[in-house]
């Protein structure tokens, strides 16, 4: 059981790192401030951003639960 939780923790941590790195930044400095007006007029490409946000939340929940499970098993 502990080995399965460790494997789940490793997979979720790698996935969480990848999901966070693949998300687009909220503002990219000066270019983000300039393009912010364009996004307000033309709309922003939300499909991938919403997908990565949901993926990040799901992986964070799996990471949290597997960490808690390992802590409870270790006692």
C-alpha atoms as a PDB file:
ATOM      1  CA  UNK A   1       0.000   0.000   0.000  1.00  0.00           C
ATOM      2  CA  UNK A   2       2.787   2.407   0.874  1.00  0.00           C
ATOM      3  CA  UNK A   3       4.599   1.668  -2.381  1.00  0.00           C
ATOM      4  CA  UNK A   4       1.466   2.456  -4.375  1.00  0.00           C
ATOM      5  CA  UNK A   5       1.060   5.760  -2.535  1.00  0.00           C
ATOM      6  CA  UNK A   6       4.702   6.665  -3.154  1.00  0.00           C
ATOM      7  CA  UNK A   7       4.310   5.944  -6.868  1.00  0.00           C
ATOM      8  CA  UNK A   8       1.094   8.000  -6.943  1.00  0.00           C
ATOM      9  CA  UNK A   9       2.880  10.836  -5.132  1.00  0.00           C
ATOM     10  CA  UNK A  10       5.766  10.828  -7.603  1.00  0.00           C
ATOM     11  CA  UNK A  11       3.475  10.781 -10.642  1.00  0.00           C
ATOM     12  CA  UNK A  12       1.268  13.533  -9.254  1.00  0.00           C
ATOM     13  CA  UNK A  13       4.239  15.722  -8.346  1.00  0.00           C
ATOM     14  CA  UNK A  14       5.774  15.421 -11.815  1.00  0.00           C
ATOM     15  CA  UNK A  15       2.381  16.083 -13.399  1.00  0.00           C
ATOM     16  CA  UNK A  16       1.789  19.059 -11.136  1.00  0.00           C
ATOM     17  CA  UNK A  17       5.140  20.586 -12.067  1.00  0.00           C
ATOM     18  CA  UNK A  18       4.423  20.081 -15.772  1.00  0.00           C
ATOM     19  CA  UNK A  19       0.901  21.514 -15.532  1.00  0.00           C
ATOM     20  CA  UNK A  20       2.106  24.637 -13.732  1.00  0.00           C
ATOM     21  CA  UNK A  21       4.932  25.205 -16.198  1.00  0.00           C
ATOM     22  CA  UNK A  22       2.650  24.787 -19.205  1.00  0.00           C
ATOM     23  CA  UNK A  23       0.178  27.417 -18.020  1.00  0.00           C
ATOM     24  CA  UNK A  24       0.424  30.796 -19.662  1.00  0.00           C
ATOM     25  CA  UNK A  25       1.532  33.625 -17.423  1.00  0.00           C
ATOM     26  CA  UNK A  26      -1.049  36.115 -16.233  1.00  0.00           C
ATOM     27  CA  UNK A  27       1.124  39.027 -17.254  1.00  0.00           C
ATOM     28  CA  UNK A  28       4.364  38.898 -19.140  1.00  0.00           C
ATOM     29  CA  UNK A  29       5.802  42.204 -18.002  1.00  0.00           C
ATOM     30  CA  UNK A  30       5.413  45.127 -20.381  1.00  0.00           C
ATOM     31  CA  UNK A  31       4.208  42.970 -23.265  1.00  0.00           C
ATOM     32  CA  UNK A  32       1.492  41.557 -21.004  1.00  0.00           C
ATOM     33  CA  UNK A  33       0.303  45.058 -20.181  1.00  0.00           C
ATOM     34  CA  UNK A  34       0.144  45.975 -23.863  1.00  0.00           C
ATOM     35  CA  UNK A  35      -1.582  42.779 -24.961  1.00  0.00           C
ATOM     36  CA  UNK A  36      -4.035  42.994 -22.071  1.00  0.00           C
ATOM     37  CA  UNK A  37      -6.037  45.623 -23.938  1.00  0.00           C
ATOM     38  CA  UNK A  38      -6.102  43.437 -27.033  1.00  0.00           C
ATOM     39  CA  UNK A  39      -7.377  40.483 -25.048  1.00  0.00           C
ATOM     40  CA  UNK A  40     -10.186  42.610 -23.650  1.00  0.00           C
ATOM     41  CA  UNK A  41     -11.286  43.581 -27.163  1.00  0.00           C
ATOM     42  CA  UNK A  42     -10.713  40.338 -29.082  1.00  0.00           C
ATOM     43  CA  UNK A  43     -11.108  37.817 -26.267  1.00  0.00           C
ATOM     44  CA  UNK A  44      -8.545  35.477 -24.818  1.00  0.00           C
ATOM     45  CA  UNK A  45      -7.876  31.908 -25.844  1.00  0.00           C
ATOM     46  CA  UNK A  46      -9.338  30.215 -22.793  1.00  0.00           C
ATOM     47  CA  UNK A  47      -9.532  26.561 -23.795  1.00  0.00           C
ATOM     48  CA  UNK A  48      -6.052  25.459 -22.813  1.00  0.00           C
ATOM     49  CA  UNK A  49      -5.830  27.799 -19.833  1.00  0.00           C
ATOM     50  CA  UNK A  50      -9.012  26.392 -18.328  1.00  0.00           C
ATOM     51  CA  UNK A  51      -7.848  22.845 -19.017  1.00  0.00           C
ATOM     52  CA  UNK A  52      -4.501  23.409 -17.312  1.00  0.00           C
ATOM     53  CA  UNK A  53      -6.199  25.136 -14.360  1.00  0.00           C
ATOM     54  CA  UNK A  54      -8.498  22.145 -13.818  1.00  0.00           C
ATOM     55  CA  UNK A  55      -5.612  19.726 -14.327  1.00  0.00           C
ATOM     56  CA  UNK A  56      -3.506  21.617 -11.787  1.00  0.00           C
ATOM     57  CA  UNK A  57      -6.308  21.564  -9.221  1.00  0.00           C
ATOM     58  CA  UNK A  58      -6.890  17.846  -9.713  1.00  0.00           C
ATOM     59  CA  UNK A  59      -3.212  16.963  -9.483  1.00  0.00           C
ATOM     60  CA  UNK A  60      -2.834  19.140  -6.382  1.00  0.00           C
ATOM     61  CA  UNK A  61      -5.705  17.278  -4.727  1.00  0.00           C
ATOM     62  CA  UNK A  62      -4.145  13.900  -5.596  1.00  0.00           C
ATOM     63  CA  UNK A  63      -0.784  15.107  -4.290  1.00  0.00           C
ATOM     64  CA  UNK A  64      -2.343  16.319  -1.036  1.00  0.00           C
ATOM     65  CA  UNK A  65      -4.320  13.143  -0.428  1.00  0.00           C
ATOM     66  CA  UNK A  66      -1.408  10.851  -1.224  1.00  0.00           C
ATOM     67  CA  UNK A  67       0.846  12.871   1.092  1.00  0.00           C
ATOM     68  CA  UNK A  68      -1.694  12.617   3.895  1.00  0.00           C
ATOM     69  CA  UNK A  69      -2.118   8.903   3.240  1.00  0.00           C
ATOM     70  CA  UNK A  70       1.623   8.327   3.481  1.00  0.00           C
ATOM     71  CA  UNK A  71       1.788  10.308   6.691  1.00  0.00           C
ATOM     72  CA  UNK A  72      -1.005   8.241   8.232  1.00  0.00           C
ATOM     73  CA  UNK A  73       0.545   4.961   7.146  1.00  0.00           C
ATOM     74  CA  UNK A  74       3.932   6.008   8.524  1.00  0.00           C
ATOM     75  CA  UNK A  75       2.609   6.410  12.070  1.00  0.00           C
END
